């Protein structure tokens, strides 16, 4: 038996409960993320649930300081080339989905980890960049008719087949006509906001998981979330633009206004959650109860209004209140 007087190196601390996420190289991370995001187009409904998982390998790859563009950059370049060779609309649609779900959020997290933004500024900046991509892409695709007219024309072209399908399902022709007329007046104006709503869901899904992926970023509980202070100025300017502008500028201002209202809606949810966490706790029934309650009209607008008020006059329980919230 050999006895050594040299001190033993301390063992690295381990956490039995911490998830062990495999770290792939740049190529494998990009490929895995591409396959997961492709589910949005291949599997219509379930794909929306699995697509955000494509962000995980990219964030985990760049968490050690490696440039994230090494993992997602070649995917975007490959899809851009495929979109220009005329093999159909699938590569372009997949490129748009990949940029919005993976590339932009990954780039924003990389910048956030280096610059030290607040959570509200990170969310607002990422949403603004995603909205810019959607708006510019919509204008480019619908040239020369304009984004509103282009989407309305595409809806009219698809209305014939849709009417036959719904008619075969037993719907009355008059009801189908009324539904399509109403959607034709609304959808072309707010379609980009639907995409942005999904991007916001992806951001808040990945937000509490960022420290688990290796980032030294302190993420507060959801009930402490507050929007960026510049959101109020954007809210006023976009509201004025939606009222007084016309045509494409009004369309852009309206979607910017809706994006800001969506962020205020999340802030309103955080405020409500702060009060519930104080009295009820943070169980899963609290999360789902708040979400389900706020989906029924006119609750979304009321919750967004509470988020606006909370930006100027804090409505959350103070730590000095009786019991506070844990």
Protein backbone atom coordinates (compact mmCIF):
# COMPACT_ATOMS: atom_id res chain seq x y z
CA UNK A 1 0.00 0.00 0.00
CA UNK A 2 1.40 3.38 -1.03
CA UNK A 3 0.74 6.31 1.26
CA UNK A 4 0.95 9.73 -0.34
CA UNK A 5 1.24 12.98 1.59
CA UNK A 6 0.00 15.04 -1.36
CA UNK A 7 -3.41 16.58 -0.73
CA UNK A 8 -6.20 15.11 -2.74
CA UNK A 9 -7.87 17.34 -5.29
CA UNK A 10 -11.35 18.27 -4.17
CA UNK A 11 -14.05 16.50 -6.09
CA UNK A 12 -16.21 18.68 -8.28
CA UNK A 13 -19.59 19.26 -6.71
CA UNK A 14 -22.36 17.34 -8.36
CA UNK A 15 -26.09 17.77 -8.18
CA UNK A 16 -28.11 14.62 -8.45
CA UNK A 17 -31.20 16.55 -9.41
CA UNK A 18 -29.61 18.74 -12.10
CA UNK A 19 -30.42 17.72 -15.66
CA UNK A 20 -27.46 16.57 -17.75
CA UNK A 21 -27.95 18.04 -21.20
CA UNK A 22 -25.64 16.64 -23.88
CA UNK A 23 -23.49 19.25 -25.59
CA UNK A 24 -23.22 18.81 -29.35
CA UNK A 25 -20.79 20.40 -31.75
CA UNK A 26 -21.72 23.27 -34.04
CA UNK A 27 -22.85 21.07 -36.93
CA UNK A 28 -24.84 18.63 -34.82
CA UNK A 29 -26.50 21.43 -32.82
CA UNK A 30 -27.61 23.14 -36.00
CA UNK A 31 -28.89 19.93 -37.54
CA UNK A 32 -30.87 18.90 -34.46
CA UNK A 33 -32.41 22.35 -34.17
CA UNK A 34 -33.35 22.33 -37.86
CA UNK A 35 -35.10 18.96 -37.57
CA UNK A 36 -37.08 20.11 -34.53
CA UNK A 37 -38.15 23.41 -36.11
CA UNK A 38 -39.18 21.61 -39.31
CA UNK A 39 -41.97 20.04 -37.27
CA UNK A 40 -43.86 23.35 -37.50
CA UNK A 41 -44.40 22.77 -41.21
CA UNK A 42 -44.50 18.97 -41.27
CA UNK A 43 -46.75 18.31 -38.25
CA UNK A 44 -49.34 21.13 -38.21
CA UNK A 45 -50.36 21.33 -34.51
CA UNK A 46 -47.93 19.13 -32.58
CA UNK A 47 -45.06 20.79 -34.44
CA UNK A 48 -45.77 24.06 -32.65
CA UNK A 49 -45.07 22.29 -29.36
CA UNK A 50 -41.80 20.62 -30.35
CA UNK A 51 -40.31 23.48 -32.41
CA UNK A 52 -39.12 25.51 -29.37
CA UNK A 53 -36.95 22.52 -28.39
CA UNK A 54 -34.78 23.44 -31.38
CA UNK A 55 -33.52 26.40 -29.37
CA UNK A 56 -32.07 24.20 -26.61
CA UNK A 57 -29.03 22.68 -28.42
CA UNK A 58 -28.06 26.08 -29.88
CA UNK A 59 -28.21 27.84 -26.51
CA UNK A 60 -26.33 25.00 -24.84
CA UNK A 61 -23.63 25.11 -27.54
CA UNK A 62 -22.98 28.83 -27.15
CA UNK A 63 -23.22 28.89 -23.35
CA UNK A 64 -19.50 28.18 -23.00
CA UNK A 65 -18.58 31.29 -25.01
CA UNK A 66 -18.62 29.78 -28.50
CA UNK A 67 -20.24 32.05 -31.12
CA UNK A 68 -23.75 30.79 -31.70
CA UNK A 69 -23.59 31.73 -35.37
CA UNK A 70 -21.32 28.73 -35.90
CA UNK A 71 -24.29 26.49 -35.05
CA UNK A 72 -27.24 28.31 -36.61
CA UNK A 73 -25.50 30.39 -39.27
CA UNK A 74 -24.88 27.56 -41.71
CA UNK A 75 -28.51 26.44 -41.38
CA UNK A 76 -29.82 29.89 -42.32
CA UNK A 77 -27.34 30.10 -45.22
CA UNK A 78 -28.32 26.66 -46.50
CA UNK A 79 -32.03 27.48 -46.37
CA UNK A 80 -31.40 30.84 -48.05
CA UNK A 81 -29.63 29.13 -50.94
CA UNK A 82 -32.39 26.52 -51.19
CA UNK A 83 -34.97 29.32 -51.31
CA UNK A 84 -33.32 30.93 -54.33
CA UNK A 85 -32.99 27.86 -56.55
CA UNK A 86 -36.72 27.55 -57.12
CA UNK A 87 -37.52 24.23 -55.44
CA UNK A 88 -40.77 25.48 -53.90
CA UNK A 89 -41.89 27.62 -50.96
CA UNK A 90 -40.95 25.08 -48.27
CA UNK A 91 -37.29 26.23 -47.79
CA UNK A 92 -38.31 29.88 -47.49
CA UNK A 93 -41.06 29.11 -44.96
CA UNK A 94 -38.66 26.89 -43.00
CA UNK A 95 -35.99 29.61 -43.05
CA UNK A 96 -38.48 32.16 -41.68
CA UNK A 97 -39.55 29.76 -38.92
CA UNK A 98 -35.94 28.91 -38.04
CA UNK A 99 -34.90 32.56 -37.83
CA UNK A 100 -37.83 33.47 -35.58
CA UNK A 101 -37.74 30.42 -33.31
CA UNK A 102 -33.99 29.72 -33.09
CA UNK A 103 -31.63 32.25 -34.65
CA UNK A 104 -33.00 35.49 -33.22
CA UNK A 105 -33.65 34.18 -29.68
CA UNK A 106 -30.21 32.51 -29.58
CA UNK A 107 -28.50 35.68 -30.75
CA UNK A 108 -30.41 37.78 -28.24
CA UNK A 109 -29.50 35.47 -25.35
CA UNK A 110 -25.85 35.61 -26.42
CA UNK A 111 -25.95 39.42 -26.40
CA UNK A 112 -27.88 39.44 -23.11
CA UNK A 113 -25.23 37.31 -21.42
CA UNK A 114 -22.50 39.74 -22.50
CA UNK A 115 -24.23 43.12 -22.17
CA UNK A 116 -26.23 42.48 -19.01
CA UNK A 117 -29.65 43.72 -20.06
CA UNK A 118 -32.63 43.44 -17.78
CA UNK A 119 -35.06 40.63 -18.58
CA UNK A 120 -37.62 43.13 -19.80
CA UNK A 121 -35.17 44.71 -22.23
CA UNK A 122 -34.08 41.31 -23.52
CA UNK A 123 -37.67 40.29 -24.20
CA UNK A 124 -38.60 43.65 -25.77
CA UNK A 125 -35.52 43.75 -28.00
CA UNK A 126 -36.05 40.21 -29.25
CA UNK A 127 -39.74 40.83 -29.94
CA UNK A 128 -38.94 44.05 -31.81
CA UNK A 129 -36.36 42.25 -33.96
CA UNK A 130 -38.77 39.39 -34.67
CA UNK A 131 -41.53 41.83 -35.61
CA UNK A 132 -39.17 43.66 -37.97
CA UNK A 133 -38.31 40.37 -39.69
CA UNK A 134 -42.00 39.45 -40.06
CA UNK A 135 -43.01 42.87 -41.36
CA UNK A 136 -40.15 43.15 -43.85
CA UNK A 137 -40.69 39.58 -45.01
CA UNK A 138 -44.40 40.22 -45.52
CA UNK A 139 -43.69 43.31 -47.61
CA UNK A 140 -41.13 41.48 -49.76
CA UNK A 141 -43.40 38.48 -50.37
CA UNK A 142 -46.46 40.56 -51.30
CA UNK A 143 -44.71 43.10 -53.58
CA UNK A 144 -46.12 44.95 -55.51
CA UNK A 145 -49.64 44.69 -54.08
CA UNK A 146 -48.78 45.49 -50.45
CA UNK A 147 -48.96 43.25 -47.35
CA UNK A 148 -52.64 43.79 -46.49
CA UNK A 149 -53.87 43.44 -50.06
CA UNK A 150 -51.56 40.49 -50.73
CA UNK A 151 -52.78 38.50 -47.74
CA UNK A 152 -56.41 39.34 -48.53
CA UNK A 153 -55.94 38.16 -52.11
CA UNK A 154 -54.35 34.92 -50.94
CA UNK A 155 -57.27 34.36 -48.56
CA UNK A 156 -59.78 34.90 -51.35
CA UNK A 157 -57.92 32.39 -53.50
CA UNK A 158 -58.07 29.77 -50.75
CA UNK A 159 -61.67 30.54 -49.81
CA UNK A 160 -63.20 28.42 -52.57
CA UNK A 161 -61.63 25.15 -51.46
CA UNK A 162 -62.25 25.97 -47.80
CA UNK A 163 -65.94 26.64 -48.44
CA UNK A 164 -66.31 23.26 -50.12
CA UNK A 165 -64.57 21.52 -47.22
CA UNK A 166 -66.68 23.22 -44.54
CA UNK A 167 -69.81 22.66 -46.62
CA UNK A 168 -69.07 18.95 -46.72
CA UNK A 169 -68.74 19.03 -42.92
CA UNK A 170 -72.33 20.30 -42.63
CA UNK A 171 -71.85 24.04 -42.10
CA UNK A 172 -74.43 26.34 -43.67
CA UNK A 173 -73.23 28.31 -46.68
CA UNK A 174 -74.42 31.61 -45.18
CA UNK A 175 -72.44 31.05 -41.99
CA UNK A 176 -69.34 30.20 -43.99
CA UNK A 177 -69.68 33.39 -46.04
CA UNK A 178 -70.07 35.54 -42.93
CA UNK A 179 -67.05 33.93 -41.27
CA UNK A 180 -64.83 34.45 -44.32
CA UNK A 181 -65.98 38.05 -44.74
CA UNK A 182 -65.15 38.82 -41.11
CA UNK A 183 -61.76 37.12 -41.30
CA UNK A 184 -60.91 38.88 -44.55
CA UNK A 185 -61.41 42.25 -42.86
CA UNK A 186 -59.30 41.41 -39.78
CA UNK A 187 -56.69 38.72 -40.54
CA UNK A 188 -54.68 40.63 -43.21
CA UNK A 189 -54.13 43.44 -40.73
CA UNK A 190 -53.11 41.39 -37.67
CA UNK A 191 -51.51 38.25 -39.12
CA UNK A 192 -47.94 39.29 -38.16
CA UNK A 193 -49.10 39.71 -34.55
CA UNK A 194 -50.18 36.07 -34.44
CA UNK A 195 -46.61 35.06 -35.31
CA UNK A 196 -45.21 37.44 -32.70
CA UNK A 197 -47.53 35.96 -30.05
CA UNK A 198 -45.96 32.56 -30.70
CA UNK A 199 -42.44 34.06 -30.49
CA UNK A 200 -43.31 35.59 -27.11
CA UNK A 201 -44.51 32.19 -25.89
CA UNK A 202 -41.19 30.65 -26.98
CA UNK A 203 -39.19 33.35 -25.18
CA UNK A 204 -41.04 32.94 -21.90
CA UNK A 205 -40.79 29.16 -22.20
CA UNK A 206 -37.01 29.28 -22.56
CA UNK A 207 -36.53 32.10 -20.03
CA UNK A 208 -36.46 30.03 -16.79
CA UNK A 209 -34.36 27.34 -18.49
CA UNK A 210 -31.50 29.64 -19.51
CA UNK A 211 -29.45 29.12 -16.29
CA UNK A 212 -29.87 25.33 -16.66
CA UNK A 213 -28.22 25.56 -20.08
CA UNK A 214 -25.00 26.96 -18.63
CA UNK A 215 -25.48 30.73 -18.60
CA UNK A 216 -24.48 32.87 -15.66
CA UNK A 217 -27.66 34.90 -15.94
CA UNK A 218 -29.90 35.47 -12.96
CA UNK A 219 -33.50 34.84 -13.95
CA UNK A 220 -36.06 36.08 -11.44
CA UNK A 221 -39.36 34.29 -10.74
CA UNK A 222 -42.09 35.04 -13.24
CA UNK A 223 -44.06 37.13 -10.74
CA UNK A 224 -41.12 39.59 -10.62
CA UNK A 225 -41.07 40.15 -14.37
CA UNK A 226 -41.41 43.75 -15.53
CA UNK A 227 -41.32 45.14 -19.03
CA UNK A 228 -38.69 47.52 -20.30
CA UNK A 229 -39.22 51.19 -19.45
CA UNK A 230 -39.15 52.12 -23.14
CA UNK A 231 -42.23 49.99 -23.81
CA UNK A 232 -44.50 52.83 -22.70
CA UNK A 233 -43.06 55.20 -25.32
CA UNK A 234 -43.47 52.57 -28.05
CA UNK A 235 -47.03 51.98 -26.86
CA UNK A 236 -47.94 55.66 -27.30
CA UNK A 237 -46.20 56.10 -30.66
CA UNK A 238 -47.61 52.90 -32.16
CA UNK A 239 -51.09 53.82 -30.93
CA UNK A 240 -50.89 57.23 -32.59
CA UNK A 241 -49.60 55.62 -35.78
CA UNK A 242 -52.45 53.10 -35.83
CA UNK A 243 -54.95 55.97 -35.47
CA UNK A 244 -53.60 58.58 -37.86
CA UNK A 245 -51.55 56.72 -40.49
CA UNK A 246 -52.91 54.81 -43.46
CA UNK A 247 -52.00 51.90 -45.72
CA UNK A 248 -48.81 49.95 -45.01
CA UNK A 249 -47.51 52.37 -42.31
CA UNK A 250 -50.76 51.92 -40.40
CA UNK A 251 -50.48 48.13 -40.77
CA UNK A 252 -46.94 48.25 -39.31
CA UNK A 253 -47.98 50.55 -36.45
CA UNK A 254 -51.01 48.39 -35.63
CA UNK A 255 -48.94 45.22 -35.36
CA UNK A 256 -46.35 47.04 -33.25
CA UNK A 257 -49.16 48.18 -30.96
CA UNK A 258 -50.50 44.63 -30.64
CA UNK A 259 -46.99 43.33 -29.87
CA UNK A 260 -46.64 45.89 -27.08
CA UNK A 261 -50.08 44.97 -25.71
CA UNK A 262 -49.03 41.31 -25.68
CA UNK A 263 -46.00 42.23 -23.56
CA UNK A 264 -48.23 44.23 -21.22
CA UNK A 265 -50.54 41.21 -21.06
CA UNK A 266 -47.63 39.10 -19.83
CA UNK A 267 -46.74 41.76 -17.28
CA UNK A 268 -50.34 41.75 -16.09
CA UNK A 269 -50.14 37.97 -15.69
CA UNK A 270 -46.95 38.39 -13.66
CA UNK A 271 -48.68 40.90 -11.40
CA UNK A 272 -51.64 38.55 -10.85
CA UNK A 273 -49.25 35.68 -10.21
CA UNK A 274 -47.44 37.76 -7.56
CA UNK A 275 -50.66 38.11 -5.55
CA UNK A 276 -51.59 34.45 -6.01
CA UNK A 277 -48.09 33.34 -5.01
CA UNK A 278 -48.54 35.27 -1.78
CA UNK A 279 -51.84 33.64 -0.84
CA UNK A 280 -52.01 30.33 -2.74
CA UNK A 281 -48.46 29.37 -3.71
CA UNK A 282 -46.73 28.50 -6.98
CA UNK A 283 -48.33 25.14 -7.74
CA UNK A 284 -49.17 24.03 -11.24
CA UNK A 285 -52.85 24.77 -10.62
CA UNK A 286 -51.93 28.43 -10.06
CA UNK A 287 -50.18 28.65 -13.44
CA UNK A 288 -52.94 26.95 -15.38
CA UNK A 289 -55.67 28.71 -13.46
CA UNK A 290 -54.27 32.14 -14.32
CA UNK A 291 -53.75 31.20 -17.97
CA UNK A 292 -57.23 29.76 -18.46
CA UNK A 293 -58.90 32.63 -16.64
CA UNK A 294 -57.20 35.24 -18.78
CA UNK A 295 -58.11 33.70 -22.15
CA UNK A 296 -61.82 34.51 -21.92
CA UNK A 297 -62.89 37.89 -23.38
CA UNK A 298 -62.71 40.59 -22.20
CA UNK A 299 -60.10 39.33 -19.72
CA UNK A 300 -57.08 39.64 -22.09
CA UNK A 301 -57.64 43.38 -22.54
CA UNK A 302 -58.24 43.82 -18.81
CA UNK A 303 -55.03 41.96 -17.95
CA UNK A 304 -53.09 44.03 -20.52
CA UNK A 305 -54.54 47.21 -18.98
CA UNK A 306 -53.36 46.02 -15.56
CA UNK A 307 -49.91 45.50 -17.06
CA UNK A 308 -49.91 49.09 -18.35
CA UNK A 309 -50.91 50.43 -14.94
CA UNK A 310 -48.30 48.24 -13.22
CA UNK A 311 -45.61 49.90 -15.34
CA UNK A 312 -46.36 53.28 -13.77
CA UNK A 313 -47.89 52.41 -10.40
CA UNK A 314 -46.68 49.05 -9.02
CA UNK A 315 -49.65 46.86 -8.17
CA UNK A 316 -47.71 43.95 -6.69
CA UNK A 317 -47.49 43.13 -3.00
CA UNK A 318 -44.48 44.71 -1.34
CA UNK A 319 -42.04 42.64 0.67
CA UNK A 320 -43.06 44.61 3.75
CA UNK A 321 -46.72 43.60 3.38
CA UNK A 322 -48.19 41.09 5.78
CA UNK A 323 -46.52 37.87 4.70
CA UNK A 324 -45.28 39.31 1.42
CA UNK A 325 -44.83 36.58 -1.16
CA UNK A 326 -42.16 33.92 -0.97
